[in-house]
């Protein structure tokens, strides 16, 4: 696909991005841009295709609208091609062990010689500086969760092991952190003509989103116990079993709780006097009585019955949806959450979540699903001024790879 074949849409239709990342975090960052109209070129390794291609339908979702070529960056010719592309790009995203690009001789300073306004995003497990014994270590989502302390607070109590929060929660959080940072630097670069380099470490992204758990740990010396689905403050389970399935009920807020107290016939009990904003563990007798009523009511009724009654009292709640019930749900249908397109790799229809968040004036658009390996190589290289003869030389030397069916 040529640049001229891409329609103009979204709020980022003039943004130019090089995606030299792989698997989840970095490409997800770039994917958010592509869904808002940015021209995103993915540079896959010539040694091995992006590992995320093993998830066939997910590849079609997570690389949609991106154009595909390959590049052997560490080679002299690969560096030269990369620098040529950087002169065009606004943002470059790479994901590797810390220090990898510096070892290749592709430092931030070298990239800025080609384009002083370039925004560079380095995605890694442990960052670009720090204890040398950590910087060049490999990482996956689960490693980031373990090293960040995130895993230590998830799972059932001992002797059960800590849990990994699925799927790829750390990778997606890192991608989101990188996306806002890249756009912040891009805005500044447009104002000043001077780019920036962003060090986005996966474990730090996960450390940042632990809220009161980490704050209490740092300031009070408290390591919260693993409690499964339970809360360290709230005494209600949240997940409640009904006659025909599961529902999640978030018990909170003085208004809804007062209505529940009255509904359960507890209004005359002195344990429930006054304003109650949460059913907490520090009031064990109140918690016992309330939970007995709540659990008994749920056990005697269907999910739909509990959902309707709790909703009528403004109690936040939801059936615990499955992938099947999500597709059947009226709200999902009304908002057209799922979209379907033809996937050029599998030659089959593929469904995925539509472009979100929703923009009223400049919505995202689906142009194509994730493309085949190297599908756009010749179009892209031609746009950067390379001839067919040069491409043949690059193919023969392994600087780029031929497209694969």
Protein backbone atom coordinates (compact mmCIF):
# COMPACT_ATOMS: atom_id res chain seq x y z
CA UNK A 1 0.00 0.00 0.00
CA UNK A 2 1.28 3.44 -0.97
CA UNK A 3 1.01 6.50 1.23
CA UNK A 4 -1.30 8.03 -1.38
CA UNK A 5 -3.66 5.06 -1.00
CA UNK A 6 -4.26 5.84 2.68
CA UNK A 7 -7.41 7.92 3.23
CA UNK A 8 -7.26 11.05 5.37
CA UNK A 9 -9.12 10.70 8.68
CA UNK A 10 -8.76 11.19 12.42
CA UNK A 11 -6.89 13.71 14.54
CA UNK A 12 -3.43 12.34 13.69
CA UNK A 13 -3.69 12.24 9.91
CA UNK A 14 -0.49 14.26 9.47
CA UNK A 15 1.56 12.29 12.03
CA UNK A 16 4.36 10.13 10.63
CA UNK A 17 5.55 7.18 12.74
CA UNK A 18 8.24 4.53 12.41
CA UNK A 19 7.37 1.39 14.37
CA UNK A 20 10.65 -0.43 15.01
CA UNK A 21 9.12 -2.23 18.01
CA UNK A 22 7.72 -5.74 18.22
CA UNK A 23 5.17 -7.94 20.01
CA UNK A 24 2.84 -5.85 22.23
CA UNK A 25 3.81 -2.64 24.10
CA UNK A 26 5.52 -0.56 21.39
CA UNK A 27 3.32 -1.69 18.51
CA UNK A 28 0.18 -1.04 20.60
CA UNK A 29 1.42 2.53 21.10
CA UNK A 30 1.81 2.86 17.32
CA UNK A 31 -1.52 1.13 16.70
CA UNK A 32 -3.39 3.80 18.66
CA UNK A 33 -1.83 6.37 16.34
CA UNK A 34 -2.67 4.39 13.19
CA UNK A 35 -6.32 4.15 14.24
CA UNK A 36 -6.41 7.94 14.37
CA UNK A 37 -5.04 8.34 10.88
CA UNK A 38 -1.27 8.47 11.41
CA UNK A 39 0.95 6.99 8.70
CA UNK A 40 2.65 4.16 10.61
CA UNK A 41 5.38 2.05 8.99
CA UNK A 42 6.40 -1.10 10.84
CA UNK A 43 10.02 -2.19 10.36
CA UNK A 44 10.08 -5.92 11.09
CA UNK A 45 13.29 -7.77 11.71
CA UNK A 46 14.89 -9.50 8.72
CA UNK A 47 16.00 -12.37 11.00
CA UNK A 48 12.57 -13.36 12.31
CA UNK A 49 9.07 -11.91 11.85
CA UNK A 50 7.33 -10.16 14.73
CA UNK A 51 6.49 -12.82 17.33
CA UNK A 52 2.96 -11.46 17.66
CA UNK A 53 2.15 -12.92 14.25
CA UNK A 54 1.54 -16.24 16.07
CA UNK A 55 -1.79 -14.75 17.22
CA UNK A 56 -3.39 -14.70 13.79
CA UNK A 57 -6.65 -12.82 14.32
CA UNK A 58 -5.08 -10.59 16.98
CA UNK A 59 -2.38 -9.57 14.47
CA UNK A 60 -5.11 -8.36 12.15
CA UNK A 61 -6.48 -6.22 14.99
CA UNK A 62 -3.26 -4.98 16.58
CA UNK A 63 -1.53 -3.98 13.33
CA UNK A 64 -4.50 -2.63 11.40
CA UNK A 65 -3.83 0.42 9.22
CA UNK A 66 -0.05 -0.04 9.54
CA UNK A 67 2.17 -0.47 6.49
CA UNK A 68 4.71 -3.28 6.56
CA UNK A 69 8.33 -3.59 5.50
CA UNK A 70 11.46 -5.16 6.98
CA UNK A 71 14.86 -3.74 7.80
CA UNK A 72 18.15 -5.09 9.15
CA UNK A 73 18.89 -2.00 11.23
CA UNK A 74 22.37 -2.90 12.64
CA UNK A 75 23.94 -3.16 9.18
CA UNK A 76 25.56 -0.09 7.58
CA UNK A 77 22.97 -0.07 4.81
CA UNK A 78 20.16 -0.63 7.34
CA UNK A 79 21.28 2.35 9.41
CA UNK A 80 21.45 4.52 6.31
CA UNK A 81 17.91 3.54 5.31
CA UNK A 82 16.69 4.15 8.87
CA UNK A 83 18.24 7.63 8.95
CA UNK A 84 16.62 8.43 5.61
CA UNK A 85 13.28 7.40 7.06
CA UNK A 86 13.90 9.41 10.24
CA UNK A 87 14.22 12.58 8.17
CA UNK A 88 10.58 11.99 7.20
CA UNK A 89 9.25 10.74 10.55
CA UNK A 90 7.88 12.64 13.54
CA UNK A 91 8.11 9.73 15.99
CA UNK A 92 10.29 6.62 16.15
CA UNK A 93 9.32 3.80 18.51
CA UNK A 94 11.66 0.91 19.29
CA UNK A 95 11.53 -1.94 21.80
CA UNK A 96 14.65 -3.82 22.80
CA UNK A 97 16.86 -4.49 25.78
CA UNK A 98 18.26 -1.28 27.23
CA UNK A 99 21.36 -0.09 25.40
CA UNK A 100 20.78 -2.20 22.27
CA UNK A 101 20.51 0.69 19.83
CA UNK A 102 23.47 2.44 21.41
CA UNK A 103 25.48 -0.75 20.90
CA UNK A 104 24.47 -0.68 17.24
CA UNK A 105 25.78 2.87 16.97
CA UNK A 106 22.26 4.25 16.53
CA UNK A 107 22.21 6.64 19.47
CA UNK A 108 19.66 9.38 20.03
CA UNK A 109 22.27 11.91 18.94
CA UNK A 110 22.84 10.12 15.64
CA UNK A 111 19.08 10.07 15.00
CA UNK A 112 18.81 13.78 15.86
CA UNK A 113 21.57 14.58 13.36
CA UNK A 114 19.16 13.28 10.73
CA UNK A 115 16.11 14.98 12.25
CA UNK A 116 16.51 17.34 15.25
CA UNK A 117 12.73 17.35 15.83
CA UNK A 118 12.42 13.57 16.02
CA UNK A 119 10.64 12.12 19.07
CA UNK A 120 12.26 8.81 20.07
CA UNK A 121 10.46 6.32 22.30
CA UNK A 122 12.54 3.53 23.86
CA UNK A 123 10.36 0.71 25.22
CA UNK A 124 12.21 -1.78 27.41
CA UNK A 125 11.75 -3.93 30.47
CA UNK A 126 14.18 -2.15 32.76
CA UNK A 127 14.99 1.19 31.11
CA UNK A 128 18.00 2.80 29.46
CA UNK A 129 19.95 3.62 32.64
CA UNK A 130 20.35 2.35 36.20
CA UNK A 131 22.14 -0.69 37.62
CA UNK A 132 24.15 -2.05 34.66
CA UNK A 133 23.29 -5.61 35.64
CA UNK A 134 19.60 -4.89 34.96
CA UNK A 135 19.58 -2.63 31.93
CA UNK A 136 20.21 -5.26 29.24
CA UNK A 137 18.01 -7.97 30.73
CA UNK A 138 15.17 -9.37 28.67
CA UNK A 139 11.59 -8.90 29.79
CA UNK A 140 8.07 -10.05 29.04
CA UNK A 141 4.79 -8.83 30.48
CA UNK A 142 5.03 -11.33 33.34
CA UNK A 143 8.58 -10.24 34.20
CA UNK A 144 7.47 -6.61 34.38
CA UNK A 145 4.63 -7.58 36.69
CA UNK A 146 6.98 -9.55 38.93
CA UNK A 147 9.72 -6.89 39.15
CA UNK A 148 7.30 -3.98 39.64
CA UNK A 149 5.65 -5.50 42.69
CA UNK A 150 2.37 -5.73 40.80
CA UNK A 151 2.34 -9.52 40.94
CA UNK A 152 2.93 -9.57 44.71
CA UNK A 153 -0.52 -8.09 45.37
CA UNK A 154 -2.45 -10.33 42.95
CA UNK A 155 -3.56 -13.88 43.67
CA UNK A 156 -4.93 -15.93 46.52
CA UNK A 157 -3.34 -16.02 50.00
CA UNK A 158 -0.41 -18.31 50.75
CA UNK A 159 0.28 -21.11 50.04
CA UNK A 160 -1.14 -20.23 46.59
CA UNK A 161 1.29 -18.46 44.23
CA UNK A 162 1.05 -14.83 43.13
CA UNK A 163 -0.88 -14.37 39.89
CA UNK A 164 -0.06 -12.71 36.58
CA UNK A 165 -2.86 -10.28 35.64
CA UNK A 166 -3.93 -11.33 32.13
CA UNK A 167 -3.76 -10.70 29.25
CA UNK A 168 -0.57 -8.67 28.69
CA UNK A 169 -1.75 -6.03 31.16
CA UNK A 170 1.76 -4.70 31.74
CA UNK A 171 2.50 -4.46 28.02
CA UNK A 172 -0.67 -2.54 27.28
CA UNK A 173 -0.12 -0.20 30.24
CA UNK A 174 3.42 0.48 29.02
CA UNK A 175 2.07 1.22 25.54
CA UNK A 176 -0.46 3.69 26.93
CA UNK A 177 2.24 5.43 28.98
CA UNK A 178 4.45 5.64 25.91
CA UNK A 179 1.62 6.97 23.73
CA UNK A 180 0.80 9.98 25.90
CA UNK A 181 4.50 10.72 26.40
CA UNK A 182 5.20 10.55 22.66
CA UNK A 183 2.38 12.97 21.86
CA UNK A 184 3.48 15.34 24.65
CA UNK A 185 6.99 15.44 23.19
CA UNK A 186 5.62 15.77 19.65
CA UNK A 187 3.57 18.83 20.63
CA UNK A 188 6.68 20.41 22.15
CA UNK A 189 8.78 19.50 19.11
CA UNK A 190 6.25 21.23 16.83
CA UNK A 191 6.62 24.36 18.97
CA UNK A 192 10.40 24.36 19.27
CA UNK A 193 11.77 22.18 16.47
CA UNK A 194 13.61 20.12 19.11
CA UNK A 195 12.72 16.47 19.67
CA UNK A 196 13.05 14.37 22.80
CA UNK A 197 13.96 10.85 23.85
CA UNK A 198 11.54 8.93 26.09
CA UNK A 199 12.75 6.13 28.35
CA UNK A 200 9.65 3.99 28.93
CA UNK A 201 10.48 1.11 31.28
CA UNK A 202 7.78 -1.53 31.65
CA UNK A 203 8.31 -2.12 35.36
CA UNK A 204 8.03 1.61 36.09
CA UNK A 205 4.75 1.88 34.18
CA UNK A 206 3.35 -0.87 36.39
CA UNK A 207 4.76 0.64 39.57
CA UNK A 208 2.99 3.90 38.75
CA UNK A 209 -0.52 2.37 38.64
CA UNK A 210 -0.65 0.64 42.03
CA UNK A 211 -2.46 3.45 43.81
CA UNK A 212 -2.96 3.24 47.57
CA UNK A 213 -1.39 -0.22 47.69
CA UNK A 214 2.07 1.11 46.85
CA UNK A 215 1.56 4.40 48.70
CA UNK A 216 0.80 2.51 51.90
CA UNK A 217 3.80 0.29 51.30
CA UNK A 218 6.19 3.20 50.85
CA UNK A 219 4.83 5.43 53.59
CA UNK A 220 3.54 2.99 56.19
CA UNK A 221 5.67 -0.07 55.56
CA UNK A 222 2.59 -2.14 54.72
CA UNK A 223 2.75 -5.02 52.26
CA UNK A 224 -0.88 -5.73 51.37
CA UNK A 225 -1.71 -9.44 51.53
CA UNK A 226 -2.86 -11.30 48.44
CA UNK A 227 -6.62 -11.58 48.82
CA UNK A 228 -7.83 -12.91 45.50
CA UNK A 229 -10.77 -10.79 44.39
CA UNK A 230 -11.25 -9.22 47.83
CA UNK A 231 -10.39 -5.63 48.72
CA UNK A 232 -8.05 -4.58 51.51
CA UNK A 233 -10.60 -2.04 52.82
CA UNK A 234 -14.03 -3.08 51.57
CA UNK A 235 -15.56 -6.15 53.21
CA UNK A 236 -17.86 -7.25 50.37
CA UNK A 237 -16.73 -9.90 47.92
CA UNK A 238 -17.73 -7.98 44.84
CA UNK A 239 -18.12 -11.18 42.85
CA UNK A 240 -21.44 -12.73 43.88
CA UNK A 241 -22.86 -16.07 42.78
CA UNK A 242 -26.46 -16.08 41.61
CA UNK A 243 -28.77 -18.98 40.72
CA UNK A 244 -27.56 -19.04 37.12
CA UNK A 245 -24.16 -17.33 37.08
CA UNK A 246 -22.00 -14.53 38.42
CA UNK A 247 -22.44 -10.81 38.94
CA UNK A 248 -20.09 -8.15 40.26
CA UNK A 249 -21.55 -5.66 42.74
CA UNK A 250 -19.48 -2.64 43.79
CA UNK A 251 -20.84 -1.67 47.20
CA UNK A 252 -19.99 1.98 47.73
CA UNK A 253 -21.50 5.44 48.09
CA UNK A 254 -23.76 6.57 50.93
CA UNK A 255 -26.91 6.80 48.78
CA UNK A 256 -26.80 3.33 47.21
CA UNK A 257 -25.69 1.70 50.47
CA UNK A 258 -28.57 3.30 52.39
CA UNK A 259 -31.01 1.95 49.81
CA UNK A 260 -29.47 -1.53 50.14
CA UNK A 261 -29.69 -1.34 53.95
CA UNK A 262 -33.39 -0.53 53.69
CA UNK A 263 -33.96 -3.18 50.98
CA UNK A 264 -32.34 -5.87 53.17
CA UNK A 265 -34.40 -4.85 56.24
CA UNK A 266 -31.40 -3.62 58.23
CA UNK A 267 -32.53 0.00 58.69
CA UNK A 268 -33.49 -0.42 62.36
CA UNK A 269 -30.21 -2.08 63.35
CA UNK A 270 -27.92 0.29 65.31
CA UNK A 271 -24.95 -1.18 63.43
CA UNK A 272 -26.29 0.66 60.39
CA UNK A 273 -27.00 4.06 61.89
CA UNK A 274 -25.56 7.23 60.37
CA UNK A 275 -23.87 7.85 57.03
CA UNK A 276 -22.17 4.74 55.66
CA UNK A 277 -20.06 5.15 52.53
CA UNK A 278 -18.61 1.64 52.42
CA UNK A 279 -19.02 -1.71 54.14
CA UNK A 280 -15.54 -1.97 55.59
CA UNK A 281 -13.47 -4.59 57.36
CA UNK A 282 -12.98 -2.45 60.44
CA UNK A 283 -16.69 -2.92 61.26
CA UNK A 284 -16.80 -6.74 61.32
CA UNK A 285 -20.31 -7.17 62.76
CA UNK A 286 -21.81 -4.72 60.28
CA UNK A 287 -19.95 -6.45 57.47
CA UNK A 288 -21.15 -9.90 58.58
CA UNK A 289 -24.82 -8.92 58.68
CA UNK A 290 -24.69 -7.03 55.38
CA UNK A 291 -22.87 -9.79 53.53
CA UNK A 292 -25.24 -12.46 54.79
CA UNK A 293 -28.16 -10.52 53.35
CA UNK A 294 -26.42 -9.73 50.08
CA UNK A 295 -25.13 -13.24 49.48
CA UNK A 296 -28.46 -14.83 50.44
CA UNK A 297 -30.38 -12.56 48.08
CA UNK A 298 -28.04 -13.25 45.17
CA UNK A 299 -28.12 -17.01 45.75
CA UNK A 300 -31.93 -16.99 45.53
CA UNK A 301 -32.18 -14.96 42.33
CA UNK A 302 -30.89 -14.97 38.77
CA UNK A 303 -28.19 -12.67 37.48
CA UNK A 304 -30.74 -10.65 35.52
CA UNK A 305 -33.02 -10.27 38.56
CA UNK A 306 -30.16 -9.10 40.78
CA UNK A 307 -28.88 -6.78 38.07
CA UNK A 308 -32.28 -5.11 37.66
CA UNK A 309 -32.91 -4.67 41.39
CA UNK A 310 -29.42 -3.36 42.17
CA UNK A 311 -29.51 -1.02 39.18
CA UNK A 312 -32.87 0.37 40.34
CA UNK A 313 -31.13 1.37 43.59
CA UNK A 314 -28.23 3.00 41.66
CA UNK A 315 -25.84 0.31 42.91
CA UNK A 316 -22.94 -0.08 40.40
CA UNK A 317 -23.04 -3.66 39.18
CA UNK A 318 -22.63 -5.81 36.09
CA UNK A 319 -23.11 -9.38 35.00
CA UNK A 320 -19.67 -10.90 34.54
CA UNK A 321 -19.68 -10.98 30.78
CA UNK A 322 -18.25 -13.74 28.62
CA UNK A 323 -17.13 -13.24 25.03
CA UNK A 324 -20.43 -14.78 23.92
CA UNK A 325 -22.67 -12.59 26.09
CA UNK A 326 -20.68 -9.50 25.07
CA UNK A 327 -21.65 -10.15 21.44
CA UNK A 328 -25.31 -10.67 22.39
CA UNK A 329 -25.60 -7.65 24.70
CA UNK A 330 -27.86 -4.78 23.59
CA UNK A 331 -25.45 -2.05 24.70
CA UNK A 332 -22.51 -3.61 22.88
CA UNK A 333 -24.68 -3.82 19.77
CA UNK A 334 -26.00 -0.27 20.07
CA UNK A 335 -22.48 1.16 20.38
CA UNK A 336 -21.13 -1.18 17.66
CA UNK A 337 -18.22 -2.15 19.88
CA UNK A 338 -17.19 -5.00 17.58
CA UNK A 339 -16.31 -4.47 13.95
CA UNK A 340 -15.67 -7.04 11.23
CA UNK A 341 -13.33 -6.87 8.24
CA UNK A 342 -11.66 -9.21 5.76
CA UNK A 343 -8.21 -10.36 6.83
CA UNK A 344 -5.75 -10.59 3.93
CA UNK A 345 -3.53 -13.14 5.70
CA UNK A 346 -6.15 -15.75 6.63
CA UNK A 347 -8.56 -14.76 3.83
CA UNK A 348 -11.34 -14.90 6.41
CA UNK A 349 -13.51 -12.38 8.24
CA UNK A 350 -12.05 -11.13 11.52
CA UNK A 351 -13.81 -9.37 14.38
CA UNK A 352 -12.25 -6.94 16.80
CA UNK A 353 -12.97 -3.94 18.99
CA UNK A 354 -13.64 -0.83 16.95
CA UNK A 355 -11.51 2.32 17.21
CA UNK A 356 -11.70 3.70 20.75
CA UNK A 357 -12.00 6.13 22.44
CA UNK A 358 -14.69 7.66 20.24
CA UNK A 359 -14.01 11.01 18.58
CA UNK A 360 -17.11 12.93 17.48
CA UNK A 361 -15.59 15.20 14.82
CA UNK A 362 -12.58 13.15 13.70
CA UNK A 363 -13.32 9.46 14.30
CA UNK A 364 -10.88 6.64 13.71
CA UNK A 365 -11.24 4.46 10.65
CA UNK A 366 -10.43 0.90 9.65
CA UNK A 367 -8.46 0.88 6.41
CA UNK A 368 -6.98 -2.63 6.52
CA UNK A 369 -6.16 -5.41 8.94
CA UNK A 370 -2.62 -6.36 9.94
CA UNK A 371 -0.77 -7.02 6.69
CA UNK A 372 1.46 -9.84 5.50
CA UNK A 373 5.19 -9.76 6.18
CA UNK A 374 6.82 -7.12 3.99
CA UNK A 375 3.57 -6.49 2.12
CA UNK A 376 4.37 -2.83 1.45
CA UNK A 377 8.15 -3.02 1.07
CA UNK A 378 8.43 -1.92 -2.53
CA UNK A 379 5.86 0.87 -2.19
CA UNK A 380 7.58 2.22 0.95
CA UNK A 381 11.10 2.00 -0.43
CA UNK A 382 10.04 3.71 -3.63
CA UNK A 383 8.58 6.57 -1.57
CA UNK A 384 11.97 7.04 0.09
CA UNK A 385 13.71 7.24 -3.29
CA UNK A 386 15.15 3.74 -3.68
CA UNK A 387 15.17 2.16 -7.13
CA UNK A 388 14.24 -1.40 -8.05
CA UNK A 389 17.89 -2.11 -8.71
CA UNK A 390 18.80 -0.94 -5.20
CA UNK A 391 16.00 -3.08 -3.75
CA UNK A 392 17.39 -6.17 -5.49
CA UNK A 393 20.78 -5.47 -3.91
CA UNK A 394 19.17 -5.02 -0.51
CA UNK A 395 17.29 -8.30 -0.92
CA UNK A 396 20.46 -10.16 -1.86
CA UNK A 397 22.40 -8.73 1.10
CA UNK A 398 19.60 -9.34 3.63
CA UNK A 399 19.10 -5.64 4.35
CA UNK A 400 15.39 -6.14 3.65
CA UNK A 401 13.43 -9.33 3.03
CA UNK A 402 11.12 -10.17 0.19
CA UNK A 403 7.38 -10.09 0.96
CA UNK A 404 5.94 -13.39 2.18
CA UNK A 405 2.64 -14.90 1.24
